[in-house]
C-alpha cells in the first residue's frame, strides 16, 4: 500500500494513499476530522448511521472520534486530510458525502508535498489556511443509505440489498413479514427518515455507482438492479445525478 503525507506539525495535514480492490479496514476512529477524497474507484464507509458511498471526485467528511469501517471497490487513488476540529468554529459535526471542488483538490495535492515545518507567514501556512477556509463551504450530496434500528427493518433492508434485481413493493414486503403496509411505511419514515420508495431508489443508485466504477456494462447494471430496460435505469440515474450513465462514464474518464 502506497502512502505519503505532508508535514504533521499543524492543525491540518494532507496525505495520498492507494488502495487495492477489496481492501477493508475494520471499525476504527481518529481524534481529528477526516476528509477522504477518491480520484478513482469507489469507497464504502460504514458507520452506525448507515453506509456512505464515495465515487470519484467526491469525498466523505468524518467527524473526530466517529467509528467507521472502509471497503474498497476498484483500484482507489485517494487523497485526504486530517483536521483539528477546533481549527475553525463552524465545522460540520455530522458525517456526510461532499463534492470536492477543483480548487480544493489541487490545494490538497499541494499540501501532500509539504515536507518542511509550517512556519508563520509562509506560502505553506497560507495554503493550509486556505484549505481550512474552503472546508467550511463544502456542498453536501445525499450519497448515504441510512441504517435501520429495529431488527425487523434491518432484516428487510438487508434482504432487499442482497438482491436488488427482485421487483419489490411495499405491499408484498409487508405481507412477507406479516405487517400492514401502514406499519411498514411508518417504520421506514421513523427509522430512516424517508419513504420506502425513496430508500429503494437510493439503494439502487448507490449500487449503480459502485457497479459502473467496477466497469459492469450499463445493460447488466440495469438488469441487476431490477429495471426492465437500460432506458428505465437511465431515467432514474439522470433524475438523481443530473446526467445519464453514459454521460457519467464519459465525464469520469476525462
Protein backbone atom coordinates (compact mmCIF):
# COMPACT_ATOMS: atom_id res chain seq x y z
CA UNK A 1 0.00 0.00 0.00
CA UNK A 2 1.43 3.35 -1.07
CA UNK A 3 1.19 6.13 1.49
CA UNK A 4 2.68 9.63 1.69
CA UNK A 5 1.78 12.76 3.59
CA UNK A 6 2.67 16.34 4.27
CA UNK A 7 4.02 17.89 7.44
CA UNK A 8 2.34 16.86 10.71
CA UNK A 9 3.13 19.86 12.96
CA UNK A 10 0.00 21.83 12.08
CA UNK A 11 -3.76 21.77 12.61
CA UNK A 12 -4.19 20.21 9.18
CA UNK A 13 -2.12 17.73 7.18
CA UNK A 14 -2.75 16.04 3.86
CA UNK A 15 -1.99 12.56 2.62
CA UNK A 16 -2.13 10.44 -0.54
CA UNK A 17 -2.95 6.75 -0.41
CA UNK A 18 -3.51 3.88 -2.83
CA UNK A 19 -5.91 1.02 -2.02
CA UNK A 20 -6.25 -2.31 -3.80
CA UNK A 21 -9.66 -3.63 -4.85
CA UNK A 22 -11.31 -5.46 -1.96
CA UNK A 23 -9.22 -3.82 0.74
CA UNK A 24 -11.07 -3.43 4.04
CA UNK A 25 -10.34 -1.51 7.21
CA UNK A 26 -12.13 -2.67 10.33
CA UNK A 27 -14.01 -0.27 12.59
CA UNK A 28 -11.74 2.46 13.89
CA UNK A 29 -11.75 6.16 14.69
CA UNK A 30 -9.48 9.21 14.58
CA UNK A 31 -9.01 12.05 17.04
CA UNK A 32 -9.15 14.50 14.13
CA UNK A 33 -11.74 15.22 11.46
CA UNK A 34 -11.01 13.22 8.30
CA UNK A 35 -11.90 14.26 4.76
CA UNK A 36 -11.34 11.28 2.44
CA UNK A 37 -11.48 12.02 -1.29
CA UNK A 38 -11.27 9.47 -4.13
CA UNK A 39 -9.75 10.16 -7.54
CA UNK A 40 -10.57 6.68 -8.86
CA UNK A 41 -12.56 3.72 -7.63
CA UNK A 42 -15.34 3.76 -5.03
CA UNK A 43 -15.10 3.76 -1.23
CA UNK A 44 -17.88 2.50 1.03
CA UNK A 45 -17.76 3.87 4.56
CA UNK A 46 -19.92 2.20 7.22
CA UNK A 47 -20.95 3.98 10.42
CA UNK A 48 -23.64 3.26 12.99
CA UNK A 49 -25.90 5.59 10.99
CA UNK A 50 -25.55 3.81 7.66
CA UNK A 51 -23.43 3.33 4.55
CA UNK A 52 -21.84 6.21 2.69
CA UNK A 53 -20.74 5.71 -0.94
CA UNK A 54 -17.95 7.87 -2.32
CA UNK A 55 -17.42 7.76 -6.11
CA UNK A 56 -14.62 9.65 -7.92
CA UNK A 57 -14.46 13.44 -7.41
CA UNK A 58 -16.47 13.13 -4.19
CA UNK A 59 -15.34 12.90 -0.59
CA UNK A 60 -16.61 11.95 2.85
CA UNK A 61 -16.44 14.17 5.90
CA UNK A 62 -15.92 12.06 9.03
CA UNK A 63 -16.07 13.93 12.37
CA UNK A 64 -13.48 13.27 15.04
CA UNK A 65 -13.96 10.09 17.11
CA UNK A 66 -16.63 8.76 14.72
CA UNK A 67 -16.32 4.98 14.49
CA UNK A 68 -16.26 3.80 10.88
CA UNK A 69 -15.03 1.00 8.63
CA UNK A 70 -13.95 1.15 4.98
CA UNK A 71 -14.40 -1.16 1.99
CA UNK A 72 -12.67 -0.50 -1.35
CA UNK A 73 -14.17 -1.21 -4.79
CA UNK A 74 -11.79 -0.97 -7.73
CA UNK A 75 -8.26 0.40 -7.64
CA UNK A 76 -8.60 3.51 -5.49
CA UNK A 77 -6.30 6.51 -5.58
CA UNK A 78 -7.27 8.65 -2.62
CA UNK A 79 -6.35 11.98 -1.13
CA UNK A 80 -7.26 13.04 2.34
CA UNK A 81 -6.70 15.46 5.14
CA UNK A 82 -6.84 15.24 8.92
CA UNK A 83 -8.05 18.41 10.60
CA UNK A 84 -8.01 19.66 14.17
CA UNK A 85 -11.74 20.01 14.99
CA UNK A 86 -11.01 23.33 16.71
CA UNK A 87 -9.20 24.84 13.72
CA UNK A 88 -12.46 26.56 12.77
CA UNK A 89 -15.51 27.22 14.92
CA UNK A 90 -18.19 26.21 12.42
CA UNK A 91 -17.10 22.83 11.06
CA UNK A 92 -19.82 20.27 10.29
CA UNK A 93 -20.23 17.78 13.13
CA UNK A 94 -22.07 15.12 11.10
CA UNK A 95 -20.87 12.51 8.59
CA UNK A 96 -21.68 13.47 5.01
CA UNK A 97 -20.60 12.92 1.40
CA UNK A 98 -19.42 16.14 -0.24
CA UNK A 99 -18.44 17.43 -3.65
CA UNK A 100 -14.73 18.23 -3.92
CA UNK A 101 -14.20 21.43 -5.92
CA UNK A 102 -11.23 21.52 -8.28
CA UNK A 103 -9.58 24.26 -6.20
CA UNK A 104 -9.73 22.19 -3.01
CA UNK A 105 -8.49 19.09 -4.80
CA UNK A 106 -5.44 20.93 -6.10
CA UNK A 107 -4.78 22.55 -2.73
CA UNK A 108 -4.76 19.10 -1.11
CA UNK A 109 -2.36 17.81 -3.78
CA UNK A 110 -0.04 20.70 -3.00
CA UNK A 111 -0.33 20.11 0.74
CA UNK A 112 0.72 16.46 0.37
CA UNK A 113 4.07 17.71 -0.97
CA UNK A 114 4.85 19.83 2.10
CA UNK A 115 7.85 18.29 3.86
CA UNK A 116 9.12 21.21 5.96
CA UNK A 117 7.78 22.51 9.25
CA UNK A 118 4.96 25.01 8.84
CA UNK A 119 6.37 28.44 9.69
CA UNK A 120 4.31 31.61 10.25
CA UNK A 121 3.66 33.92 7.28
CA UNK A 122 4.91 31.42 4.69
CA UNK A 123 3.29 30.12 1.50
CA UNK A 124 2.73 26.72 3.11
CA UNK A 125 0.88 28.26 6.04
CA UNK A 126 -1.31 30.33 3.71
CA UNK A 127 -2.02 27.24 1.60
CA UNK A 128 -3.18 25.23 4.62
CA UNK A 129 -5.22 28.12 5.99
CA UNK A 130 -6.98 28.43 2.62
CA UNK A 131 -7.87 24.72 2.79
CA UNK A 132 -9.38 25.29 6.24
CA UNK A 133 -11.47 28.14 4.85
CA UNK A 134 -12.65 26.09 1.86
CA UNK A 135 -13.75 23.22 4.11
CA UNK A 136 -16.46 25.44 5.60
CA UNK A 137 -18.29 25.67 2.27
CA UNK A 138 -18.42 22.07 1.08
CA UNK A 139 -21.60 21.05 -0.75
CA UNK A 140 -23.29 18.01 0.81
CA UNK A 141 -24.50 15.22 -1.51
CA UNK A 142 -27.10 12.61 -0.39
CA UNK A 143 -24.99 9.52 -1.14
CA UNK A 144 -25.96 7.79 2.08
CA UNK A 145 -28.11 4.77 2.81
CA UNK A 146 -29.27 5.09 6.42
CA UNK A 147 -29.15 2.15 8.81
CA UNK A 148 -32.33 0.72 10.33
CA UNK A 149 -32.58 0.40 14.11
CA UNK A 150 -35.21 -2.29 14.71
CA UNK A 151 -34.37 -5.91 13.99
CA UNK A 152 -37.28 -6.40 11.59
CA UNK A 153 -36.41 -3.38 9.44
CA UNK A 154 -32.72 -4.29 9.48
CA UNK A 155 -33.63 -7.74 8.14
CA UNK A 156 -35.93 -6.28 5.49
CA UNK A 157 -33.28 -3.83 4.27
CA UNK A 158 -30.51 -6.44 4.25
CA UNK A 159 -32.63 -8.88 2.23
CA UNK A 160 -33.54 -6.22 -0.32
CA UNK A 161 -29.91 -5.08 -0.72
CA UNK A 162 -28.79 -8.71 -1.11
CA UNK A 163 -30.67 -8.93 -4.44
CA UNK A 164 -31.81 -5.63 -5.92
CA UNK A 165 -32.91 -7.37 -9.12
CA UNK A 166 -36.11 -8.50 -7.38
CA UNK A 167 -39.02 -6.17 -8.02
CA UNK A 168 -40.05 -5.10 -4.53
CA UNK A 169 -43.07 -3.12 -3.45
CA UNK A 170 -44.29 -2.12 -0.04
CA UNK A 171 -47.38 -4.35 -0.12
CA UNK A 172 -45.52 -7.59 -0.96
CA UNK A 173 -42.82 -6.95 1.65
CA UNK A 174 -45.41 -6.16 4.30
CA UNK A 175 -47.20 -9.45 3.57
CA UNK A 176 -43.93 -11.38 3.69
CA UNK A 177 -43.17 -10.03 7.17
CA UNK A 178 -46.78 -10.17 8.43
CA UNK A 179 -47.01 -6.39 8.74
CA UNK A 180 -49.55 -3.93 7.46
CA UNK A 181 -48.38 -1.57 4.72
CA UNK A 182 -49.14 1.30 7.06
CA UNK A 183 -46.91 -0.12 9.81
CA UNK A 184 -44.06 -0.81 7.39
CA UNK A 185 -44.35 2.63 5.87
CA UNK A 186 -44.17 4.18 9.32
CA UNK A 187 -41.05 2.14 10.15
CA UNK A 188 -39.20 3.47 7.12
CA UNK A 189 -40.22 7.04 7.88
CA UNK A 190 -39.46 6.82 11.60
CA UNK A 191 -36.14 4.95 11.45
CA UNK A 192 -34.72 6.05 8.10
CA UNK A 193 -36.44 9.40 7.70
CA UNK A 194 -37.52 8.53 4.17
CA UNK A 195 -40.25 6.58 2.43
CA UNK A 196 -39.73 3.02 1.22
CA UNK A 197 -39.67 4.12 -2.44
CA UNK A 198 -37.04 6.79 -1.78
CA UNK A 199 -34.90 4.35 0.23
CA UNK A 200 -35.11 1.72 -2.52
CA UNK A 201 -34.20 4.24 -5.22
CA UNK A 202 -31.25 5.42 -3.14
CA UNK A 203 -30.09 1.83 -2.58
CA UNK A 204 -30.16 1.20 -6.33
CA UNK A 205 -28.39 4.46 -7.17
CA UNK A 206 -25.53 3.81 -4.76
CA UNK A 207 -25.14 0.25 -6.03
CA UNK A 208 -25.18 1.58 -9.60
CA UNK A 209 -22.34 4.00 -8.85
CA UNK A 210 -20.29 1.11 -7.48
CA UNK A 211 -21.15 -1.24 -10.39
CA UNK A 212 -20.31 1.35 -13.05
CA UNK A 213 -17.00 2.10 -11.36
CA UNK A 214 -16.27 -1.64 -11.44
CA UNK A 215 -16.83 -1.48 -15.22
CA UNK A 216 -20.02 -3.53 -15.24
CA UNK A 217 -21.88 -2.84 -18.53
CA UNK A 218 -24.84 -0.48 -18.28
CA UNK A 219 -27.24 -3.18 -19.51
CA UNK A 220 -26.08 -5.65 -16.84
CA UNK A 221 -26.20 -2.96 -14.17
CA UNK A 222 -29.77 -2.05 -15.13
CA UNK A 223 -30.98 -5.67 -15.07
CA UNK A 224 -29.17 -6.48 -11.83
CA UNK A 225 -30.94 -3.53 -10.22
CA UNK A 226 -34.37 -4.74 -11.28
CA UNK A 227 -35.00 -2.35 -14.17
CA UNK A 228 -36.80 -3.72 -17.23
CA UNK A 229 -34.57 -1.84 -19.65
CA UNK A 230 -31.46 0.36 -19.77
CA UNK A 231 -33.69 3.33 -20.62
CA UNK A 232 -35.67 2.95 -17.37
CA UNK A 233 -32.40 2.76 -15.42
CA UNK A 234 -31.02 5.73 -17.34
CA UNK A 235 -34.12 7.78 -16.48
CA UNK A 236 -33.65 7.12 -12.75
CA UNK A 237 -29.92 7.79 -12.92
CA UNK A 238 -30.34 11.08 -14.75
CA UNK A 239 -33.05 12.24 -12.36
CA UNK A 240 -30.76 11.64 -9.38
CA UNK A 241 -27.36 12.50 -10.87
CA UNK A 242 -28.25 15.11 -13.48
CA UNK A 243 -26.72 13.01 -16.27
CA UNK A 244 -27.22 9.62 -17.92
CA UNK A 245 -24.98 6.65 -17.03
CA UNK A 246 -23.22 7.07 -20.40
CA UNK A 247 -22.58 10.76 -19.74
CA UNK A 248 -21.38 9.94 -16.23
CA UNK A 249 -18.87 7.40 -17.54
CA UNK A 250 -17.60 9.80 -20.21
CA UNK A 251 -17.17 12.59 -17.68
CA UNK A 252 -15.39 10.29 -15.24
CA UNK A 253 -12.91 9.12 -17.89
CA UNK A 254 -11.76 12.64 -18.75
